[in-house]
């Protein structure tokens, strides 16, 4: 993500015809800010979306991913948004992070005049074991177990440090189908170790999982 931010920053600043010396200084400042990204972006607010026009935009953005997940037996369950106060755009790192999301065609709206809301679809497997969450980088699969363990399998690189309850598996540049197959193998391995899947399907359950993974 930091590399993407740096590239976008270079392109943007070159469009402004700034000298390379100034550009280099601003890039260094942005990279320093990146080390404090979590503190600067702050906690994410998870909001269930109930706006038909916004839902329609999300459906159009993720039409291909939705089709692939449907072929794997997944069904749509709800749309949700990741909310951030507009005031965070005054900070360097969040502003460029949000710019990257916009350049990747994320679906975004301003809610109540004060909140930036990025919208995503959420699906559930036919076995009611797993949430699927496509985003601009790929797809995440989440399964919650009754002891609080969260199995996360994703099809892209990036963040690799999560809380102690998260079991992470990455299938770098993997297809949705291959990533789902790997996730199923990991479910079976955890079940063989004695864990039991929590099959509650609700926005509240998904929000709790997402806050950890």
C-alpha atoms as a PDB file:
ATOM      1  CA  UNK A   1       0.000   0.000   0.000  1.00  0.00           C
ATOM      2  CA  UNK A   2       2.845   2.406   0.814  1.00  0.00           C
ATOM      3  CA  UNK A   3       4.325   1.820  -2.662  1.00  0.00           C
ATOM      4  CA  UNK A   4       0.962   2.582  -4.280  1.00  0.00           C
ATOM      5  CA  UNK A   5       0.650   5.756  -2.256  1.00  0.00           C
ATOM      6  CA  UNK A   6       4.150   6.820  -3.315  1.00  0.00           C
ATOM      7  CA  UNK A   7       3.404   6.225  -7.017  1.00  0.00           C
ATOM      8  CA  UNK A   8       0.141   8.165  -6.817  1.00  0.00           C
ATOM      9  CA  UNK A   9       1.906  10.976  -4.993  1.00  0.00           C
ATOM     10  CA  UNK A  10       4.608  11.230  -7.682  1.00  0.00           C
ATOM     11  CA  UNK A  11       2.040  11.299 -10.485  1.00  0.00           C
ATOM     12  CA  UNK A  12      -0.075  13.915  -8.723  1.00  0.00           C
ATOM     13  CA  UNK A  13       2.838  16.186  -7.903  1.00  0.00           C
ATOM     14  CA  UNK A  14       4.282  15.934 -11.417  1.00  0.00           C
ATOM     15  CA  UNK A  15       0.905  17.056 -12.742  1.00  0.00           C
ATOM     16  CA  UNK A  16       1.366  20.150 -10.598  1.00  0.00           C
ATOM     17  CA  UNK A  17       4.789  20.697 -12.285  1.00  0.00           C
ATOM     18  CA  UNK A  18       6.663  20.857  -8.993  1.00  0.00           C
ATOM     19  CA  UNK A  19      10.482  20.540  -8.942  1.00  0.00           C
ATOM     20  CA  UNK A  20      11.873  17.054  -8.234  1.00  0.00           C
ATOM     21  CA  UNK A  21      13.526  18.349  -5.062  1.00  0.00           C
ATOM     22  CA  UNK A  22      10.173  19.425  -3.642  1.00  0.00           C
ATOM     23  CA  UNK A  23       8.584  16.162  -4.770  1.00  0.00           C
ATOM     24  CA  UNK A  24      11.287  14.116  -3.014  1.00  0.00           C
ATOM     25  CA  UNK A  25      10.811  16.039   0.236  1.00  0.00           C
ATOM     26  CA  UNK A  26       7.043  15.526   0.130  1.00  0.00           C
ATOM     27  CA  UNK A  27       7.491  11.808  -0.596  1.00  0.00           C
ATOM     28  CA  UNK A  28       9.768  11.431   2.423  1.00  0.00           C
ATOM     29  CA  UNK A  29       7.200  13.215   4.584  1.00  0.00           C
ATOM     30  CA  UNK A  30       4.439  10.941   3.264  1.00  0.00           C
ATOM     31  CA  UNK A  31       6.491   7.816   3.971  1.00  0.00           C
ATOM     32  CA  UNK A  32       7.229   9.012   7.512  1.00  0.00           C
ATOM     33  CA  UNK A  33       3.505   9.582   7.973  1.00  0.00           C
ATOM     34  CA  UNK A  34       2.862   6.054   6.697  1.00  0.00           C
ATOM     35  CA  UNK A  35       4.599   4.569   9.739  1.00  0.00           C
ATOM     36  CA  UNK A  36       1.883   6.206  11.840  1.00  0.00           C
ATOM     37  CA  UNK A  37      -0.907   5.286   9.434  1.00  0.00           C
ATOM     38  CA  UNK A  38      -3.103   3.545  11.975  1.00  0.00           C
ATOM     39  CA  UNK A  39      -2.969   6.475  14.349  1.00  0.00           C
ATOM     40  CA  UNK A  40      -3.669   8.936  11.527  1.00  0.00           C
ATOM     41  CA  UNK A  41      -6.553   7.074   9.900  1.00  0.00           C
ATOM     42  CA  UNK A  42      -8.034   6.116  13.250  1.00  0.00           C
ATOM     43  CA  UNK A  43     -10.608   3.380  13.853  1.00  0.00           C
ATOM     44  CA  UNK A  44     -12.920   2.389  11.011  1.00  0.00           C
ATOM     45  CA  UNK A  45     -16.655   2.714  11.523  1.00  0.00           C
ATOM     46  CA  UNK A  46     -18.656  -0.152   9.978  1.00  0.00           C
ATOM     47  CA  UNK A  47     -22.073   0.878   8.674  1.00  0.00           C
ATOM     48  CA  UNK A  48     -24.766  -1.303   7.114  1.00  0.00           C
ATOM     49  CA  UNK A  49     -25.896   0.334   3.881  1.00  0.00           C
ATOM     50  CA  UNK A  50     -29.585   0.690   3.098  1.00  0.00           C
ATOM     51  CA  UNK A  51     -29.490   3.170   0.212  1.00  0.00           C
ATOM     52  CA  UNK A  52     -30.702   1.600  -3.087  1.00  0.00           C
ATOM     53  CA  UNK A  53     -28.744   4.057  -5.319  1.00  0.00           C
ATOM     54  CA  UNK A  54     -25.515   3.430  -3.370  1.00  0.00           C
ATOM     55  CA  UNK A  55     -26.146  -0.335  -3.386  1.00  0.00           C
ATOM     56  CA  UNK A  56     -26.630  -0.208  -7.159  1.00  0.00           C
ATOM     57  CA  UNK A  57     -23.255   1.511  -7.606  1.00  0.00           C
ATOM     58  CA  UNK A  58     -21.589  -1.151  -5.461  1.00  0.00           C
ATOM     59  CA  UNK A  59     -23.259  -3.928  -7.471  1.00  0.00           C
ATOM     60  CA  UNK A  60     -21.970  -2.441 -10.721  1.00  0.00           C
ATOM     61  CA  UNK A  61     -18.420  -2.058  -9.356  1.00  0.00           C
ATOM     62  CA  UNK A  62     -18.249  -5.685  -8.151  1.00  0.00           C
ATOM     63  CA  UNK A  63     -20.280  -7.367 -10.877  1.00  0.00           C
ATOM     64  CA  UNK A  64     -17.440  -9.692 -11.947  1.00  0.00           C
ATOM     65  CA  UNK A  65     -16.527 -10.709  -8.384  1.00  0.00           C
ATOM     66  CA  UNK A  66     -20.218 -11.271  -7.577  1.00  0.00           C
ATOM     67  CA  UNK A  67     -20.591 -13.602 -10.556  1.00  0.00           C
ATOM     68  CA  UNK A  68     -17.535 -15.630  -9.560  1.00  0.00           C
ATOM     69  CA  UNK A  69     -18.687 -15.929  -5.954  1.00  0.00           C
ATOM     70  CA  UNK A  70     -22.175 -16.990  -7.092  1.00  0.00           C
ATOM     71  CA  UNK A  71     -20.605 -19.767  -9.149  1.00  0.00           C
ATOM     72  CA  UNK A  72     -18.866 -20.947  -5.957  1.00  0.00           C
ATOM     73  CA  UNK A  73     -22.179 -21.135  -4.073  1.00  0.00           C
ATOM     74  CA  UNK A  74     -22.060 -17.763  -2.300  1.00  0.00           C
ATOM     75  CA  UNK A  75     -25.101 -15.538  -1.880  1.00  0.00           C
ATOM     76  CA  UNK A  76     -25.220 -11.769  -1.198  1.00  0.00           C
ATOM     77  CA  UNK A  77     -26.263 -10.946   2.365  1.00  0.00           C
ATOM     78  CA  UNK A  78     -25.823  -7.172   2.742  1.00  0.00           C
ATOM     79  CA  UNK A  79     -23.811  -4.128   1.719  1.00  0.00           C
ATOM     80  CA  UNK A  80     -21.649  -2.320   4.206  1.00  0.00           C
ATOM     81  CA  UNK A  81     -19.554   0.808   4.357  1.00  0.00           C
ATOM     82  CA  UNK A  82     -16.252   1.682   5.980  1.00  0.00           C
ATOM     83  CA  UNK A  83     -16.693   5.179   7.368  1.00  0.00           C
ATOM     84  CA  UNK A  84     -14.095   7.861   8.080  1.00  0.00           C
ATOM     85  CA  UNK A  85     -14.619  11.478   9.197  1.00  0.00           C
ATOM     86  CA  UNK A  86     -14.039  13.937   6.359  1.00  0.00           C
ATOM     87  CA  UNK A  87     -11.726  15.850   8.666  1.00  0.00           C
ATOM     88  CA  UNK A  88      -9.100  13.121   8.241  1.00  0.00           C
ATOM     89  CA  UNK A  89      -8.575  14.319   4.669  1.00  0.00           C
ATOM     90  CA  UNK A  90      -6.682  17.244   6.202  1.00  0.00           C
ATOM     91  CA  UNK A  91      -3.949  14.777   7.202  1.00  0.00           C
ATOM     92  CA  UNK A  92      -1.373  13.779   4.568  1.00  0.00           C
ATOM     93  CA  UNK A  93      -1.390   9.993   4.859  1.00  0.00           C
ATOM     94  CA  UNK A  94      -5.164   9.419   5.049  1.00  0.00           C
ATOM     95  CA  UNK A  95      -5.715  11.838   2.157  1.00  0.00           C
ATOM     96  CA  UNK A  96      -3.418   9.890  -0.151  1.00  0.00           C
ATOM     97  CA  UNK A  97      -4.702   6.550   1.110  1.00  0.00           C
ATOM     98  CA  UNK A  98      -8.237   7.609   0.222  1.00  0.00           C
ATOM     99  CA  UNK A  99      -6.951   8.892  -3.129  1.00  0.00           C
ATOM    100  CA  UNK A 100      -5.567   5.431  -3.902  1.00  0.00           C
ATOM    101  CA  UNK A 101      -8.905   3.858  -3.048  1.00  0.00           C
ATOM    102  CA  UNK A 102     -10.657   6.333  -5.354  1.00  0.00           C
ATOM    103  CA  UNK A 103      -8.193   5.642  -8.182  1.00  0.00           C
ATOM    104  CA  UNK A 104      -8.960   1.933  -7.756  1.00  0.00           C
ATOM    105  CA  UNK A 105     -12.624   2.717  -8.488  1.00  0.00           C
ATOM    106  CA  UNK A 106     -13.870   2.187  -4.961  1.00  0.00           C
ATOM    107  CA  UNK A 107     -17.484   3.224  -4.483  1.00  0.00           C
ATOM    108  CA  UNK A 108     -17.572   6.217  -2.181  1.00  0.00           C
ATOM    109  CA  UNK A 109     -20.101   8.730  -0.937  1.00  0.00           C
ATOM    110  CA  UNK A 110     -20.320  11.483   1.663  1.00  0.00           C
ATOM    111  CA  UNK A 111     -22.777  10.646   4.432  1.00  0.00           C
ATOM    112  CA  UNK A 112     -24.457  13.304   6.571  1.00  0.00           C
ATOM    113  CA  UNK A 113     -22.038  15.894   5.209  1.00  0.00           C
ATOM    114  CA  UNK A 114     -19.314  14.767   7.591  1.00  0.00           C
ATOM    115  CA  UNK A 115     -18.366  11.166   6.821  1.00  0.00           C
ATOM    116  CA  UNK A 116     -16.564   9.553   3.881  1.00  0.00           C
ATOM    117  CA  UNK A 117     -18.124   6.141   3.257  1.00  0.00           C
ATOM    118  CA  UNK A 118     -16.550   3.436   1.058  1.00  0.00           C
ATOM    119  CA  UNK A 119     -19.068   0.745   0.081  1.00  0.00           C
ATOM    120  CA  UNK A 120     -18.580  -3.015  -0.382  1.00  0.00           C
ATOM    121  CA  UNK A 121     -20.736  -6.119  -0.868  1.00  0.00           C
ATOM    122  CA  UNK A 122     -20.652  -9.061   1.548  1.00  0.00           C
ATOM    123  CA  UNK A 123     -21.521 -12.653   0.639  1.00  0.00           C
ATOM    124  CA  UNK A 124     -22.023 -15.844   2.618  1.00  0.00           C
ATOM    125  CA  UNK A 125     -21.212 -19.408   1.633  1.00  0.00           C
ATOM    126  CA  UNK A 126     -23.945 -22.004   1.099  1.00  0.00           C
ATOM    127  CA  UNK A 127     -22.626 -23.864   4.158  1.00  0.00           C
ATOM    128  CA  UNK A 128     -23.105 -20.714   6.298  1.00  0.00           C
ATOM    129  CA  UNK A 129     -19.505 -20.924   7.455  1.00  0.00           C
ATOM    130  CA  UNK A 130     -17.795 -18.065   5.645  1.00  0.00           C
ATOM    131  CA  UNK A 131     -18.179 -14.399   4.717  1.00  0.00           C
ATOM    132  CA  UNK A 132     -16.660 -13.282   1.409  1.00  0.00           C
ATOM    133  CA  UNK A 133     -15.659  -9.649   1.069  1.00  0.00           C
ATOM    134  CA  UNK A 134     -14.271  -8.398  -2.283  1.00  0.00           C
ATOM    135  CA  UNK A 135     -12.410  -5.097  -2.368  1.00  0.00           C
ATOM    136  CA  UNK A 136     -10.090  -3.178  -4.686  1.00  0.00           C
ATOM    137  CA  UNK A 137      -7.133  -5.493  -3.991  1.00  0.00           C
ATOM    138  CA  UNK A 138      -8.848  -8.890  -4.222  1.00  0.00           C
ATOM    139  CA  UNK A 139     -11.064 -10.877  -1.895  1.00  0.00           C
ATOM    140  CA  UNK A 140     -11.098 -11.819   1.785  1.00  0.00           C
ATOM    141  CA  UNK A 141     -12.745 -14.895   3.285  1.00  0.00           C
ATOM    142  CA  UNK A 142     -13.613 -14.812   7.010  1.00  0.00           C
ATOM    143  CA  UNK A 143     -14.760 -17.721   9.172  1.00  0.00           C
ATOM    144  CA  UNK A 144     -15.506 -17.315  12.872  1.00  0.00           C
ATOM    145  CA  UNK A 145     -15.160 -20.234  15.290  1.00  0.00           C
ATOM    146  CA  UNK A 146     -17.019 -20.647  18.575  1.00  0.00           C
ATOM    147  CA  UNK A 147     -13.870 -20.113  20.647  1.00  0.00           C
ATOM    148  CA  UNK A 148     -13.339 -16.687  19.044  1.00  0.00           C
ATOM    149  CA  UNK A 149     -10.743 -17.772  16.486  1.00  0.00           C
ATOM    150  CA  UNK A 150     -11.055 -15.926  13.156  1.00  0.00           C
ATOM    151  CA  UNK A 151      -9.750 -17.620  10.031  1.00  0.00           C
ATOM    152  CA  UNK A 152      -8.793 -15.049   7.385  1.00  0.00           C
ATOM    153  CA  UNK A 153      -7.691 -16.039   3.885  1.00  0.00           C
ATOM    154  CA  UNK A 154      -7.018 -13.323   1.314  1.00  0.00           C
ATOM    155  CA  UNK A 155      -5.934 -13.222  -2.312  1.00  0.00           C
ATOM    156  CA  UNK A 156      -3.458 -10.361  -1.977  1.00  0.00           C
ATOM    157  CA  UNK A 157      -0.418  -9.323   0.011  1.00  0.00           C
ATOM    158  CA  UNK A 158      -0.261  -6.362   2.374  1.00  0.00           C
ATOM    159  CA  UNK A 159      -1.024  -6.382   6.067  1.00  0.00           C
ATOM    160  CA  UNK A 160       0.195  -9.535   7.796  1.00  0.00           C
ATOM    161  CA  UNK A 161      -0.031  -8.630  11.498  1.00  0.00           C
ATOM    162  CA  UNK A 162      -3.390  -9.079  13.171  1.00  0.00           C
ATOM    163  CA  UNK A 163      -4.633  -9.785  16.677  1.00  0.00           C
ATOM    164  CA  UNK A 164      -3.962 -13.044  18.533  1.00  0.00           C
ATOM    165  CA  UNK A 165      -7.361 -14.502  17.572  1.00  0.00           C
ATOM    166  CA  UNK A 166      -6.692 -14.246  13.813  1.00  0.00           C
ATOM    167  CA  UNK A 167      -5.278 -17.154  11.794  1.00  0.00           C
ATOM    168  CA  UNK A 168      -4.033 -15.661   8.516  1.00  0.00           C
ATOM    169  CA  UNK A 169      -3.442 -17.339   5.167  1.00  0.00           C
ATOM    170  CA  UNK A 170      -2.506 -15.491   1.991  1.00  0.00           C
ATOM    171  CA  UNK A 171      -2.805 -16.708  -1.599  1.00  0.00           C
ATOM    172  CA  UNK A 172      -0.842 -13.944  -3.306  1.00  0.00           C
ATOM    173  CA  UNK A 173      -2.367 -13.027  -6.672  1.00  0.00           C
ATOM    174  CA  UNK A 174      -4.679 -16.013  -6.340  1.00  0.00           C
ATOM    175  CA  UNK A 175      -7.994 -16.294  -8.128  1.00  0.00           C
ATOM    176  CA  UNK A 176     -11.204 -16.153  -6.124  1.00  0.00           C
ATOM    177  CA  UNK A 177     -11.715 -19.878  -6.708  1.00  0.00           C
ATOM    178  CA  UNK A 178      -8.204 -20.850  -5.590  1.00  0.00           C
ATOM    179  CA  UNK A 179      -8.385 -18.625  -2.530  1.00  0.00           C
ATOM    180  CA  UNK A 180     -11.726 -20.164  -1.519  1.00  0.00           C
ATOM    181  CA  UNK A 181     -10.310 -23.681  -1.980  1.00  0.00           C
ATOM    182  CA  UNK A 182      -7.379 -22.800   0.319  1.00  0.00           C
ATOM    183  CA  UNK A 183      -9.761 -21.312   2.867  1.00  0.00           C
ATOM    184  CA  UNK A 184     -11.832 -24.506   2.905  1.00  0.00           C
ATOM    185  CA  UNK A 185      -8.706 -26.571   3.548  1.00  0.00           C
ATOM    186  CA  UNK A 186      -7.855 -24.368   6.512  1.00  0.00           C
ATOM    187  CA  UNK A 187     -11.410 -24.694   7.903  1.00  0.00           C
ATOM    188  CA  UNK A 188     -11.082 -28.470   7.725  1.00  0.00           C
ATOM    189  CA  UNK A 189      -7.699 -28.355   9.471  1.00  0.00           C
ATOM    190  CA  UNK A 190      -9.062 -26.223  12.321  1.00  0.00           C
ATOM    191  CA  UNK A 191     -12.134 -28.435  12.666  1.00  0.00           C
ATOM    192  CA  UNK A 192      -9.875 -31.489  12.810  1.00  0.00           C
ATOM    193  CA  UNK A 193      -8.079 -29.767  15.701  1.00  0.00           C
ATOM    194  CA  UNK A 194     -11.370 -29.573  17.582  1.00  0.00           C
ATOM    195  CA  UNK A 195     -12.658 -26.100  16.720  1.00  0.00           C
ATOM    196  CA  UNK A 196     -16.318 -25.549  15.787  1.00  0.00           C
ATOM    197  CA  UNK A 197     -17.614 -22.971  13.328  1.00  0.00           C
ATOM    198  CA  UNK A 198     -19.895 -20.214  14.612  1.00  0.00           C
ATOM    199  CA  UNK A 199     -22.640 -20.076  11.960  1.00  0.00           C
ATOM    200  CA  UNK A 200     -24.294 -16.821  13.081  1.00  0.00           C
ATOM    201  CA  UNK A 201     -24.918 -14.692   9.983  1.00  0.00           C
ATOM    202  CA  UNK A 202     -25.557 -11.027  10.715  1.00  0.00           C
ATOM    203  CA  UNK A 203     -24.114  -7.596  10.089  1.00  0.00           C
ATOM    204  CA  UNK A 204     -23.138  -7.357  13.763  1.00  0.00           C
ATOM    205  CA  UNK A 205     -21.181 -10.610  13.503  1.00  0.00           C
ATOM    206  CA  UNK A 206     -19.415  -9.442  10.345  1.00  0.00           C
ATOM    207  CA  UNK A 207     -18.565  -6.063  11.890  1.00  0.00           C
ATOM    208  CA  UNK A 208     -16.994  -7.772  14.923  1.00  0.00           C
ATOM    209  CA  UNK A 209     -14.898  -9.986  12.655  1.00  0.00           C
ATOM    210  CA  UNK A 210     -13.839  -7.075  10.422  1.00  0.00           C
ATOM    211  CA  UNK A 211     -12.711  -5.000  13.385  1.00  0.00           C
ATOM    212  CA  UNK A 212     -10.186  -7.741  14.153  1.00  0.00           C
ATOM    213  CA  UNK A 213      -9.309  -8.969  10.649  1.00  0.00           C
END
